[in-house]
Amino acid sequence: GTSRTDGEACPLGTGLISVVYDRRSAACLQALDLVRCREGCLPGGTRTTRLVEWPGAAAEEVLAPARGQLRERNLGQEYEMAGKMVAVLPSGLALPDCQEDVMQLIYEMESMSMVAPPTPRTVAHTEGHLAWLAALQ
């Protein structure tokens, strides 16, 4: 249940946080140590991350859908990955600059490991109760 570096991109919907990091950056490697340490201590050995080294094709595949978000948060300028760590959540939301504030990533990891997803029965029950809203559209 620990994180690992692998060359595969983490497509949306896999349930893992893709963490793209500059393998040449001391700050990224230090933050990565914290991520690995925390993931190793999550309840039940839950794996929450897939680590992807930048530069590389796998990193570009993970970052491509998030480029617009990253540019917007960077005041319209292209987001430069050199020296940076970016986490892309399963929802597609990108968390930039995790090398500076790794706790935002740790929070998401903990949340994923400790909050149980709803059962199919609960989802069906909830959707049944909300069906009338769909009829209003």
Foldseek 3Di string as FASTA:
>chain_A
DFEDEDAAADAAPPQAKEKEAAPVAPLRVVLVVVRRVLCCVAPPSDHHYYYYYPPDPNSCVNCVLVQVVQCVVVVNDGDDRVNWMWIQGSVRDIDTRCSPVVVVVSVVSNCSRPDDDDDPVVVVVVCVVCVVVVVVD
